[in-house]
Amino acid sequence: MNETPIDPDIIELLDELGPAGNVRAADQTTGELRQGMRDAIAVFTRNARAVAVHQVTDDKVRGIPVRVYRPERPTAVIVYLHGGAWTTGDLDTHDLVTRRMCRDTGAVVVAVDYRMLPEHPFPAPFDDAWDAMVWARALHPELPFLIAGDSAGGTLAACVALRARDEGGPRIDAQILIYPAIDDDLDRPSMKAFSDGKRVAIEDLRFFLGQYVAPEAAAGSAYALPGRATSLAGLPPALLAIAGHDLLRSAEEDYARRLREAGVGVTVQLDAEQVHGWIDYAARVPSADQAFGRLMEHVNDLISRVTVAA
């Protein structure tokens, strides 16, 4: 499915984490999974250069921690939802990502520490993402407003955009979806092609998706998985970043197609040599760093287009 091989630098970096596939996600405690992600991020960001921004403050929205990154003269507001299979990750694991996004776009970036599984099943993560979006929308109502996320956070971002469309606001000017989970179809071509993925194996994905969609509130809900939406018309323009070697690739490409057919502007960034999670290790892998740079160029283009339209 992908004739471009994985960047050897990625394989070398992932090898630093130790042998892959020895312990399935389903056989680990929640605490072990979360510590595993923190340990991985520590490897991925080792000796990374600091990314300075004008101001960083911590706040709470209905009890949910948020971290606000501010430039001197903001160009936009971006709500960022971290990845981690709705189970792991926090404000600190993605601090380098959100700092760079603030620096490279000039946007106020609001990172959200939404409640996670298994302690807080769906719709808790989605509700927190929605509440944080509503709060952030009021910070600078005169500026372009974008919602973004990677992996599980990208899923939440897409679903928040759906609800905002369905309820007539708040207005979201663009959505930035970085290798999001779109549906729970494990028979798609990429699922078979990359079933023994370098970072996410199909059995681990089956476990996390199974937990996420298990609650009755998630059954058939497009606010759990955006691919379930019967119509994508009326959504804000989308930037969809797809990793070439990713279980989720086929569903993401199909979602981009559906968005276009519904009349929604879509920019697809396909990074053929990357695996799922590349934004986490961009500090150490040159090709991922370049992918991050391209992503920020696309975001800046979205911001400029919204500003011109306004």
C-alpha atoms as a PDB file:
ATOM      1  CA  MET A   1       0.000   0.000   0.000  1.00  0.00           C
ATOM      2  CA  ASN A   2       2.951   2.300   0.572  1.00  0.00           C
ATOM      3  CA  GLU A   3       6.026   1.920  -1.628  1.00  0.00           C
ATOM      4  CA  THR A   4       7.913   4.547   0.379  1.00  0.00           C
ATOM      5  CA  PRO A   5       9.758   2.820   3.232  1.00  0.00           C
ATOM      6  CA  ILE A   6       9.686   4.077   6.795  1.00  0.00           C
ATOM      7  CA  ASP A   7      12.425   6.611   7.410  1.00  0.00           C
ATOM      8  CA  PRO A   8      15.338   4.648   8.960  1.00  0.00           C
ATOM      9  CA  ASP A   9      15.765   7.426  11.544  1.00  0.00           C
ATOM     10  CA  ILE A  10      12.280   6.586  12.838  1.00  0.00           C
ATOM     11  CA  ILE A  11      13.103   2.898  13.182  1.00  0.00           C
ATOM     12  CA  GLU A  12      16.315   3.752  15.018  1.00  0.00           C
ATOM     13  CA  LEU A  13      14.472   6.076  17.392  1.00  0.00           C
ATOM     14  CA  LEU A  14      11.650   3.638  18.094  1.00  0.00           C
ATOM     15  CA  ASP A  15      14.225   0.934  18.814  1.00  0.00           C
ATOM     16  CA  GLU A  16      15.346   3.064  21.759  1.00  0.00           C
ATOM     17  CA  LEU A  17      12.008   2.283  23.387  1.00  0.00           C
ATOM     18  CA  GLY A  18      12.919  -1.399  23.516  1.00  0.00           C
ATOM     19  CA  PRO A  19      11.428  -4.442  21.776  1.00  0.00           C
ATOM     20  CA  ALA A  20       7.967  -3.768  20.352  1.00  0.00           C
ATOM     21  CA  GLY A  21       4.984  -6.033  20.791  1.00  0.00           C
ATOM     22  CA  ASN A  22       6.151  -7.826  23.938  1.00  0.00           C
ATOM     23  CA  VAL A  23       3.287  -6.532  26.060  1.00  0.00           C
ATOM     24  CA  ARG A  24      -0.145  -5.893  24.604  1.00  0.00           C
ATOM     25  CA  ALA A  25      -2.039  -2.788  25.683  1.00  0.00           C
ATOM     26  CA  ALA A  26      -4.856  -4.988  26.987  1.00  0.00           C
ATOM     27  CA  ASP A  27      -2.426  -6.681  29.383  1.00  0.00           C
ATOM     28  CA  GLN A  28      -1.212  -3.446  30.967  1.00  0.00           C
ATOM     29  CA  THR A  29      -2.776  -1.395  33.714  1.00  0.00           C
ATOM     30  CA  THR A  30      -3.917   2.136  32.970  1.00  0.00           C
ATOM     31  CA  GLY A  31      -1.072   3.418  35.102  1.00  0.00           C
ATOM     32  CA  GLU A  32       1.446   1.395  33.105  1.00  0.00           C
ATOM     33  CA  LEU A  33       0.045   2.657  29.803  1.00  0.00           C
ATOM     34  CA  ARG A  34       0.254   6.262  30.943  1.00  0.00           C
ATOM     35  CA  GLN A  35       3.768   5.872  32.297  1.00  0.00           C
ATOM     36  CA  GLY A  36       4.730   4.175  29.046  1.00  0.00           C
ATOM     37  CA  MET A  37       3.649   7.219  27.074  1.00  0.00           C
ATOM     38  CA  ARG A  38       5.484   9.579  29.407  1.00  0.00           C
ATOM     39  CA  ASP A  39       8.616   7.450  29.051  1.00  0.00           C
ATOM     40  CA  ALA A  40       8.288   7.441  25.263  1.00  0.00           C
ATOM     41  CA  ILE A  41       7.880  11.211  25.121  1.00  0.00           C
ATOM     42  CA  ALA A  42      10.968  11.600  27.298  1.00  0.00           C
ATOM     43  CA  VAL A  43      12.917   9.622  24.682  1.00  0.00           C
ATOM     44  CA  PHE A  44      11.338  11.487  21.777  1.00  0.00           C
ATOM     45  CA  THR A  45      12.183  14.905  23.242  1.00  0.00           C
ATOM     46  CA  ARG A  46      15.610  14.113  24.708  1.00  0.00           C
ATOM     47  CA  ASN A  47      17.953  17.091  24.226  1.00  0.00           C
ATOM     48  CA  ALA A  48      15.245  18.933  22.302  1.00  0.00           C
ATOM     49  CA  ARG A  49      15.764  22.644  21.944  1.00  0.00           C
ATOM     50  CA  ALA A  50      13.435  24.740  24.064  1.00  0.00           C
ATOM     51  CA  VAL A  51      10.607  26.519  22.257  1.00  0.00           C
ATOM     52  CA  ALA A  52      10.024  29.911  23.842  1.00  0.00           C
ATOM     53  CA  VAL A  53       6.668  31.684  23.666  1.00  0.00           C
ATOM     54  CA  HIS A  54       5.619  35.005  25.105  1.00  0.00           C
ATOM     55  CA  GLN A  55       3.453  33.674  27.961  1.00  0.00           C
ATOM     56  CA  VAL A  56       2.197  30.346  29.280  1.00  0.00           C
ATOM     57  CA  THR A  57      -0.549  30.134  31.903  1.00  0.00           C
ATOM     58  CA  ASP A  58      -2.551  27.297  33.415  1.00  0.00           C
ATOM     59  CA  ASP A  59      -6.281  27.658  33.940  1.00  0.00           C
ATOM     60  CA  LYS A  60      -9.386  25.527  34.393  1.00  0.00           C
ATOM     61  CA  VAL A  61     -12.596  25.250  32.389  1.00  0.00           C
ATOM     62  CA  ARG A  62     -15.387  23.639  34.400  1.00  0.00           C
ATOM     63  CA  GLY A  63     -12.726  21.870  36.442  1.00  0.00           C
ATOM     64  CA  ILE A  64     -10.771  20.690  33.393  1.00  0.00           C
ATOM     65  CA  PRO A  65      -7.142  21.903  33.257  1.00  0.00           C
ATOM     66  CA  VAL A  66      -6.131  23.907  30.213  1.00  0.00           C
ATOM     67  CA  ARG A  67      -2.795  25.458  29.331  1.00  0.00           C
ATOM     68  CA  VAL A  68      -2.813  28.676  27.337  1.00  0.00           C
ATOM     69  CA  TYR A  69       0.173  29.620  25.161  1.00  0.00           C
ATOM     70  CA  ARG A  70       0.182  33.264  24.100  1.00  0.00           C
ATOM     71  CA  PRO A  71       2.289  35.123  21.528  1.00  0.00           C
ATOM     72  CA  GLU A  72       2.807  38.869  21.775  1.00  0.00           C
ATOM     73  CA  ARG A  73       0.406  39.666  18.917  1.00  0.00           C
ATOM     74  CA  PRO A  74      -1.993  36.794  18.285  1.00  0.00           C
ATOM     75  CA  THR A  75      -3.075  35.915  14.768  1.00  0.00           C
ATOM     76  CA  ALA A  76      -5.700  33.311  15.720  1.00  0.00           C
ATOM     77  CA  VAL A  77      -6.889  30.982  18.480  1.00  0.00           C
ATOM     78  CA  ILE A  78      -6.266  27.234  18.235  1.00  0.00           C
ATOM     79  CA  VAL A  79      -7.726  24.675  20.633  1.00  0.00           C
ATOM     80  CA  TYR A  80      -5.429  21.631  20.801  1.00  0.00           C
ATOM     81  CA  LEU A  81      -6.503  18.151  21.919  1.00  0.00           C
ATOM     82  CA  HIS A  82      -3.673  15.712  22.604  1.00  0.00           C
ATOM     83  CA  GLY A  83      -3.404  12.143  21.393  1.00  0.00           C
ATOM     84  CA  GLY A  84      -3.083   8.967  23.427  1.00  0.00           C
ATOM     85  CA  ALA A  85      -5.966   6.633  22.551  1.00  0.00           C
ATOM     86  CA  TRP A  86      -8.315   8.577  24.888  1.00  0.00           C
ATOM     87  CA  THR A  87      -6.375   6.883  27.719  1.00  0.00           C
ATOM     88  CA  THR A  88      -2.892   8.438  27.935  1.00  0.00           C
ATOM     89  CA  GLY A  89      -1.265  11.810  27.404  1.00  0.00           C
ATOM     90  CA  ASP A  90      -1.588  15.160  29.148  1.00  0.00           C
ATOM     91  CA  LEU A  91      -0.561  18.788  28.938  1.00  0.00           C
ATOM     92  CA  ASP A  92       3.092  17.938  29.558  1.00  0.00           C
ATOM     93  CA  THR A  93       3.444  15.130  27.005  1.00  0.00           C
ATOM     94  CA  HIS A  94       2.441  17.534  24.242  1.00  0.00           C
ATOM     95  CA  ASP A  95       3.989  20.711  25.621  1.00  0.00           C
ATOM     96  CA  LEU A  96       6.683  20.844  22.936  1.00  0.00           C
ATOM     97  CA  VAL A  97       4.048  20.389  20.217  1.00  0.00           C
ATOM     98  CA  THR A  98       1.788  23.168  21.486  1.00  0.00           C
ATOM     99  CA  ARG A  99       4.691  25.519  22.128  1.00  0.00           C
ATOM    100  CA  ARG A 100       5.897  25.086  18.563  1.00  0.00           C
ATOM    101  CA  MET A 101       2.396  25.558  17.196  1.00  0.00           C
ATOM    102  CA  CYS A 102       2.095  28.839  19.095  1.00  0.00           C
ATOM    103  CA  ARG A 103       5.519  30.031  17.950  1.00  0.00           C
ATOM    104  CA  ASP A 104       5.161  29.022  14.302  1.00  0.00           C
ATOM    105  CA  THR A 105       1.614  30.311  13.762  1.00  0.00           C
ATOM    106  CA  GLY A 106       1.451  33.247  16.144  1.00  0.00           C
ATOM    107  CA  ALA A 107      -1.805  31.830  17.493  1.00  0.00           C
ATOM    108  CA  VAL A 108      -3.028  31.612  21.049  1.00  0.00           C
ATOM    109  CA  VAL A 109      -2.991  27.844  21.646  1.00  0.00           C
ATOM    110  CA  VAL A 110      -5.299  26.352  24.273  1.00  0.00           C
ATOM    111  CA  ALA A 111      -4.227  22.820  25.218  1.00  0.00           C
ATOM    112  CA  VAL A 112      -6.923  20.749  26.924  1.00  0.00           C
ATOM    113  CA  ASP A 113      -6.328  18.078  29.587  1.00  0.00           C
ATOM    114  CA  TYR A 114      -9.647  16.334  28.968  1.00  0.00           C
ATOM    115  CA  ARG A 115     -10.841  13.450  31.133  1.00  0.00           C
ATOM    116  CA  MET A 116      -9.809  10.038  29.889  1.00  0.00           C
ATOM    117  CA  LEU A 117     -10.746   6.385  29.789  1.00  0.00           C
ATOM    118  CA  PRO A 118     -11.301   4.112  31.594  1.00  0.00           C
ATOM    119  CA  GLU A 119     -12.175   6.293  34.584  1.00  0.00           C
ATOM    120  CA  HIS A 120     -14.226   8.683  32.466  1.00  0.00           C
ATOM    121  CA  PRO A 121     -15.923   6.894  29.535  1.00  0.00           C
ATOM    122  CA  PHE A 122     -17.480   8.591  26.528  1.00  0.00           C
ATOM    123  CA  PRO A 123     -18.921  11.204  26.386  1.00  0.00           C
ATOM    124  CA  ALA A 124     -16.645  12.705  29.072  1.00  0.00           C
ATOM    125  CA  PRO A 125     -13.638  13.352  26.750  1.00  0.00           C
ATOM    126  CA  PHE A 126     -15.920  14.817  24.097  1.00  0.00           C
ATOM    127  CA  ASP A 127     -17.832  16.965  26.592  1.00  0.00           C
ATOM    128  CA  ASP A 128     -14.570  18.396  27.944  1.00  0.00           C
ATOM    129  CA  ALA A 129     -13.325  19.141  24.439  1.00  0.00           C
ATOM    130  CA  TRP A 130     -16.602  20.899  23.655  1.00  0.00           C
ATOM    131  CA  ASP A 131     -16.596  22.969  26.873  1.00  0.00           C
ATOM    132  CA  ALA A 132     -12.986  24.029  26.318  1.00  0.00           C
ATOM    133  CA  MET A 133     -13.798  25.005  22.736  1.00  0.00           C
ATOM    134  CA  VAL A 134     -16.727  27.179  23.849  1.00  0.00           C
ATOM    135  CA  TRP A 135     -14.534  28.844  26.490  1.00  0.00           C
ATOM    136  CA  ALA A 136     -11.641  29.441  24.086  1.00  0.00           C
ATOM    137  CA  ARG A 137     -13.960  30.836  21.398  1.00  0.00           C
ATOM    138  CA  ALA A 138     -14.661  33.825  23.651  1.00  0.00           C
ATOM    139  CA  LEU A 139     -10.986  34.699  24.231  1.00  0.00           C
ATOM    140  CA  HIS A 140     -10.540  36.626  20.970  1.00  0.00           C
ATOM    141  CA  PRO A 141     -13.828  36.579  19.061  1.00  0.00           C
ATOM    142  CA  GLU A 142     -12.335  38.886  16.429  1.00  0.00           C
ATOM    143  CA  LEU A 143      -9.660  36.341  15.403  1.00  0.00           C
ATOM    144  CA  PRO A 144      -9.795  33.184  13.272  1.00  0.00           C
ATOM    145  CA  PHE A 145     -10.668  30.167  15.410  1.00  0.00           C
ATOM    146  CA  LEU A 146      -9.394  26.655  14.742  1.00  0.00           C
ATOM    147  CA  ILE A 147      -9.726  23.311  16.486  1.00  0.00           C
ATOM    148  CA  ALA A 148      -6.904  20.796  16.266  1.00  0.00           C
ATOM    149  CA  GLY A 149      -5.686  17.495  17.623  1.00  0.00           C
ATOM    150  CA  ASP A 150      -3.554  14.457  16.946  1.00  0.00           C
ATOM    151  CA  SER A 151      -4.739  10.838  16.935  1.00  0.00           C
ATOM    152  CA  ALA A 152      -7.502  10.518  19.565  1.00  0.00           C
ATOM    153  CA  GLY A 153      -7.395  14.298  19.909  1.00  0.00           C
ATOM    154  CA  GLY A 154      -7.904  14.638  16.168  1.00  0.00           C
ATOM    155  CA  THR A 155     -10.990  12.462  16.480  1.00  0.00           C
ATOM    156  CA  LEU A 156     -12.354  14.712  19.211  1.00  0.00           C
ATOM    157  CA  ALA A 157     -11.581  17.814  17.144  1.00  0.00           C
ATOM    158  CA  ALA A 158     -13.507  16.459  14.153  1.00  0.00           C
ATOM    159  CA  CYS A 159     -16.446  15.539  16.379  1.00  0.00           C
ATOM    160  CA  VAL A 160     -16.521  18.962  18.042  1.00  0.00           C
ATOM    161  CA  ALA A 161     -16.671  20.504  14.556  1.00  0.00           C
ATOM    162  CA  LEU A 162     -19.648  18.271  13.761  1.00  0.00           C
ATOM    163  CA  ARG A 163     -21.536  19.347  16.870  1.00  0.00           C
ATOM    164  CA  ALA A 164     -20.795  23.034  16.241  1.00  0.00           C
ATOM    165  CA  ARG A 165     -22.266  22.617  12.760  1.00  0.00           C
ATOM    166  CA  ASP A 166     -25.310  20.754  14.072  1.00  0.00           C
ATOM    167  CA  GLU A 167     -26.035  23.339  16.776  1.00  0.00           C
ATOM    168  CA  GLY A 168     -25.284  26.426  14.709  1.00  0.00           C
ATOM    169  CA  GLY A 169     -22.103  27.417  16.538  1.00  0.00           C
ATOM    170  CA  PRO A 170     -19.875  28.517  18.080  1.00  0.00           C
ATOM    171  CA  ARG A 171     -18.203  29.276  14.782  1.00  0.00           C
ATOM    172  CA  ILE A 172     -15.134  27.193  13.958  1.00  0.00           C
ATOM    173  CA  ASP A 173     -13.157  28.519  11.005  1.00  0.00           C
ATOM    174  CA  ALA A 174     -11.013  25.440  10.336  1.00  0.00           C
ATOM    175  CA  GLN A 175     -10.189  21.997  11.707  1.00  0.00           C
ATOM    176  CA  ILE A 176      -6.687  20.512  11.893  1.00  0.00           C
ATOM    177  CA  LEU A 177      -6.888  16.728  12.066  1.00  0.00           C
ATOM    178  CA  ILE A 178      -3.542  14.999  12.563  1.00  0.00           C
ATOM    179  CA  TYR A 179      -3.840  11.241  11.840  1.00  0.00           C
ATOM    180  CA  PRO A 180      -7.250  10.972  13.593  1.00  0.00           C
ATOM    181  CA  ALA A 181      -9.264   7.813  14.183  1.00  0.00           C
ATOM    182  CA  ILE A 182     -12.268   8.169  11.864  1.00  0.00           C
ATOM    183  CA  ASP A 183     -14.211   4.956  12.423  1.00  0.00           C
ATOM    184  CA  ASP A 184     -13.872   1.492  13.964  1.00  0.00           C
ATOM    185  CA  ASP A 185     -13.704  -0.504  10.731  1.00  0.00           C
ATOM    186  CA  LEU A 186     -10.716  -2.811  11.217  1.00  0.00           C
ATOM    187  CA  ASP A 187     -11.068  -4.409   7.771  1.00  0.00           C
ATOM    188  CA  ARG A 188      -9.897  -1.451   5.714  1.00  0.00           C
ATOM    189  CA  PRO A 189      -6.854  -1.940   3.445  1.00  0.00           C
ATOM    190  CA  SER A 190      -4.434  -0.033   5.683  1.00  0.00           C
ATOM    191  CA  MET A 191      -5.495  -2.124   8.673  1.00  0.00           C
ATOM    192  CA  LYS A 192      -4.292  -5.213   6.855  1.00  0.00           C
ATOM    193  CA  ALA A 193      -1.220  -3.578   5.332  1.00  0.00           C
ATOM    194  CA  PHE A 194       0.118  -2.178   8.613  1.00  0.00           C
ATOM    195  CA  SER A 195      -1.337  -4.623  11.155  1.00  0.00           C
ATOM    196  CA  ASP A 196       2.050  -4.965  12.867  1.00  0.00           C
ATOM    197  CA  GLY A 197       2.649  -1.225  12.904  1.00  0.00           C
ATOM    198  CA  LYS A 198       5.847   0.189  14.392  1.00  0.00           C
ATOM    199  CA  ARG A 199       3.995   2.184  17.068  1.00  0.00           C
ATOM    200  CA  VAL A 200       0.427   0.867  17.076  1.00  0.00           C
ATOM    201  CA  ALA A 201      -0.439  -2.781  16.410  1.00  0.00           C
ATOM    202  CA  ILE A 202      -3.935  -3.670  15.264  1.00  0.00           C
ATOM    203  CA  GLU A 203      -4.696  -5.616  18.450  1.00  0.00           C
ATOM    204  CA  ASP A 204      -3.845  -2.582  20.546  1.00  0.00           C
ATOM    205  CA  LEU A 205      -6.040  -0.400  18.340  1.00  0.00           C
ATOM    206  CA  ARG A 206      -8.852  -2.935  18.704  1.00  0.00           C
ATOM    207  CA  PHE A 207      -8.500  -2.732  22.492  1.00  0.00           C
ATOM    208  CA  PHE A 208      -8.526   1.064  22.699  1.00  0.00           C
ATOM    209  CA  LEU A 209     -11.344   1.509  20.190  1.00  0.00           C
ATOM    210  CA  GLY A 210     -13.346  -1.190  21.952  1.00  0.00           C
ATOM    211  CA  GLN A 211     -13.067   0.665  25.244  1.00  0.00           C
ATOM    212  CA  TYR A 212     -13.913   3.992  23.653  1.00  0.00           C
ATOM    213  CA  VAL A 213     -17.085   2.921  21.835  1.00  0.00           C
ATOM    214  CA  ALA A 214     -18.297   0.466  24.488  1.00  0.00           C
ATOM    215  CA  PRO A 215     -20.589   2.858  26.429  1.00  0.00           C
ATOM    216  CA  GLU A 216     -24.197   3.028  25.290  1.00  0.00           C
ATOM    217  CA  ALA A 217     -23.793   6.775  24.735  1.00  0.00           C
ATOM    218  CA  ALA A 218     -21.182   6.063  22.046  1.00  0.00           C
ATOM    219  CA  ALA A 219     -23.227   3.503  20.128  1.00  0.00           C
ATOM    220  CA  GLY A 220     -23.598   4.803  16.578  1.00  0.00           C
ATOM    221  CA  SER A 221     -22.779   8.363  17.648  1.00  0.00           C
ATOM    222  CA  ALA A 222     -20.998  10.625  15.171  1.00  0.00           C
ATOM    223  CA  TYR A 223     -19.793  12.590  18.196  1.00  0.00           C
ATOM    224  CA  ALA A 224     -17.695   9.539  19.103  1.00  0.00           C
ATOM    225  CA  LEU A 225     -16.350   8.750  15.615  1.00  0.00           C
ATOM    226  CA  PRO A 226     -16.811  11.330  12.833  1.00  0.00           C
ATOM    227  CA  GLY A 227     -16.943   8.756  10.048  1.00  0.00           C
ATOM    228  CA  ARG A 228     -20.401   7.812  11.314  1.00  0.00           C
ATOM    229  CA  ALA A 229     -21.869  11.163  10.293  1.00  0.00           C
ATOM    230  CA  THR A 230     -24.418  10.744   7.519  1.00  0.00           C
ATOM    231  CA  SER A 231     -23.506  14.142   6.050  1.00  0.00           C
ATOM    232  CA  LEU A 232     -20.314  16.192   6.194  1.00  0.00           C
ATOM    233  CA  ALA A 233     -21.789  19.231   4.453  1.00  0.00           C
ATOM    234  CA  GLY A 234     -21.393  22.555   6.179  1.00  0.00           C
ATOM    235  CA  LEU A 235     -18.235  21.662   8.095  1.00  0.00           C
ATOM    236  CA  PRO A 236     -15.316  24.093   8.297  1.00  0.00           C
ATOM    237  CA  PRO A 237     -12.316  23.641   5.974  1.00  0.00           C
ATOM    238  CA  ALA A 238     -10.105  20.765   7.048  1.00  0.00           C
ATOM    239  CA  LEU A 239      -6.382  20.116   7.105  1.00  0.00           C
ATOM    240  CA  LEU A 240      -5.860  16.363   7.330  1.00  0.00           C
ATOM    241  CA  ALA A 241      -2.367  15.036   8.078  1.00  0.00           C
ATOM    242  CA  ILE A 242      -1.977  11.355   7.155  1.00  0.00           C
ATOM    243  CA  ALA A 243       0.998   9.133   7.968  1.00  0.00           C
ATOM    244  CA  GLY A 244       1.963   6.774   5.163  1.00  0.00           C
ATOM    245  CA  HIS A 245       2.504   3.757   7.413  1.00  0.00           C
ATOM    246  CA  ASP A 246      -0.597   3.976   9.589  1.00  0.00           C
ATOM    247  CA  LEU A 247      -3.460   1.623  10.364  1.00  0.00           C
ATOM    248  CA  LEU A 248      -5.812   4.611  10.164  1.00  0.00           C
ATOM    249  CA  ARG A 249      -4.737   5.772   6.706  1.00  0.00           C
ATOM    250  CA  SER A 250      -7.544   4.264   4.593  1.00  0.00           C
ATOM    251  CA  ALA A 251     -10.291   5.699   6.805  1.00  0.00           C
ATOM    252  CA  GLU A 252      -8.619   9.115   6.772  1.00  0.00           C
ATOM    253  CA  GLU A 253      -8.324   9.125   2.990  1.00  0.00           C
ATOM    254  CA  ASP A 254     -11.977   8.133   2.735  1.00  0.00           C
ATOM    255  CA  TYR A 255     -12.960  10.938   5.131  1.00  0.00           C
ATOM    256  CA  ALA A 256     -11.046  13.458   3.000  1.00  0.00           C
ATOM    257  CA  ARG A 257     -12.910  12.198  -0.064  1.00  0.00           C
ATOM    258  CA  ARG A 258     -16.279  12.492   1.689  1.00  0.00           C
ATOM    259  CA  LEU A 259     -15.469  16.023   2.846  1.00  0.00           C
ATOM    260  CA  ARG A 260     -14.630  17.079  -0.698  1.00  0.00           C
ATOM    261  CA  GLU A 261     -17.781  15.484  -2.076  1.00  0.00           C
ATOM    262  CA  ALA A 262     -19.764  17.425   0.532  1.00  0.00           C
ATOM    263  CA  GLY A 263     -18.264  20.689  -0.668  1.00  0.00           C
ATOM    264  CA  VAL A 264     -15.837  21.150   2.225  1.00  0.00           C
ATOM    265  CA  GLY A 265     -12.377  22.482   1.435  1.00  0.00           C
ATOM    266  CA  VAL A 266      -9.728  19.896   2.304  1.00  0.00           C
ATOM    267  CA  THR A 267      -5.937  20.016   2.375  1.00  0.00           C
ATOM    268  CA  VAL A 268      -4.321  16.592   2.705  1.00  0.00           C
ATOM    269  CA  GLN A 269      -0.736  16.316   3.896  1.00  0.00           C
ATOM    270  CA  LEU A 270       0.474  12.775   3.254  1.00  0.00           C
ATOM    271  CA  ASP A 271       3.820  12.052   4.879  1.00  0.00           C
ATOM    272  CA  ALA A 272       4.627   8.781   3.165  1.00  0.00           C
ATOM    273  CA  GLU A 273       7.698   7.883   5.236  1.00  0.00           C
ATOM    274  CA  GLN A 274       6.071   8.505   8.636  1.00  0.00           C
ATOM    275  CA  VAL A 275       4.247   6.269  11.110  1.00  0.00           C
ATOM    276  CA  HIS A 276       1.373   7.087  13.431  1.00  0.00           C
ATOM    277  CA  GLY A 277       2.482   9.500  16.132  1.00  0.00           C
ATOM    278  CA  TRP A 278       5.169  11.341  14.177  1.00  0.00           C
ATOM    279  CA  ILE A 279       4.385  14.698  15.745  1.00  0.00           C
ATOM    280  CA  ASP A 280       5.621  13.303  19.078  1.00  0.00           C
ATOM    281  CA  TYR A 281       9.147  12.689  17.791  1.00  0.00           C
ATOM    282  CA  ALA A 282       9.563  15.643  15.438  1.00  0.00           C
ATOM    283  CA  ALA A 283      12.190  17.052  17.794  1.00  0.00           C
ATOM    284  CA  ARG A 284      14.555  14.179  17.004  1.00  0.00           C
ATOM    285  CA  VAL A 285      13.733  12.977  13.473  1.00  0.00           C
ATOM    286  CA  PRO A 286      14.546  15.442  10.658  1.00  0.00           C
ATOM    287  CA  SER A 287      11.841  14.133   8.309  1.00  0.00           C
ATOM    288  CA  ALA A 288       9.212  14.496  11.060  1.00  0.00           C
ATOM    289  CA  ASP A 289      10.526  17.966  11.845  1.00  0.00           C
ATOM    290  CA  GLN A 290      10.039  18.825   8.174  1.00  0.00           C
ATOM    291  CA  ALA A 291       6.526  17.350   8.262  1.00  0.00           C
ATOM    292  CA  PHE A 292       5.757  19.566  11.263  1.00  0.00           C
ATOM    293  CA  GLY A 293       7.047  22.554   9.315  1.00  0.00           C
ATOM    294  CA  ARG A 294       4.788  21.731   6.360  1.00  0.00           C
ATOM    295  CA  LEU A 295       1.866  21.333   8.734  1.00  0.00           C
ATOM    296  CA  MET A 296       2.445  24.789  10.186  1.00  0.00           C
ATOM    297  CA  GLU A 297       2.662  26.268   6.684  1.00  0.00           C
ATOM    298  CA  HIS A 298      -0.750  24.792   5.917  1.00  0.00           C
ATOM    299  CA  VAL A 299      -2.148  26.133   9.202  1.00  0.00           C
ATOM    300  CA  ASN A 300      -0.805  29.600   8.434  1.00  0.00           C
ATOM    301  CA  ASP A 301      -2.418  29.414   5.006  1.00  0.00           C
ATOM    302  CA  LEU A 302      -5.755  28.533   6.611  1.00  0.00           C
ATOM    303  CA  ILE A 303      -5.420  31.418   9.053  1.00  0.00           C
ATOM    304  CA  SER A 304      -4.572  33.878   6.288  1.00  0.00           C
ATOM    305  CA  ARG A 305      -7.519  32.734   4.186  1.00  0.00           C
ATOM    306  CA  VAL A 306      -9.920  33.154   7.092  1.00  0.00           C
ATOM    307  CA  THR A 307      -8.467  36.592   7.849  1.00  0.00           C
ATOM    308  CA  VAL A 308      -8.827  37.725   4.227  1.00  0.00           C
ATOM    309  CA  ALA A 309     -12.404  36.421   4.091  1.00  0.00           C
ATOM    310  CA  ALA A 310     -13.268  38.303   7.275  1.00  0.00           C
END
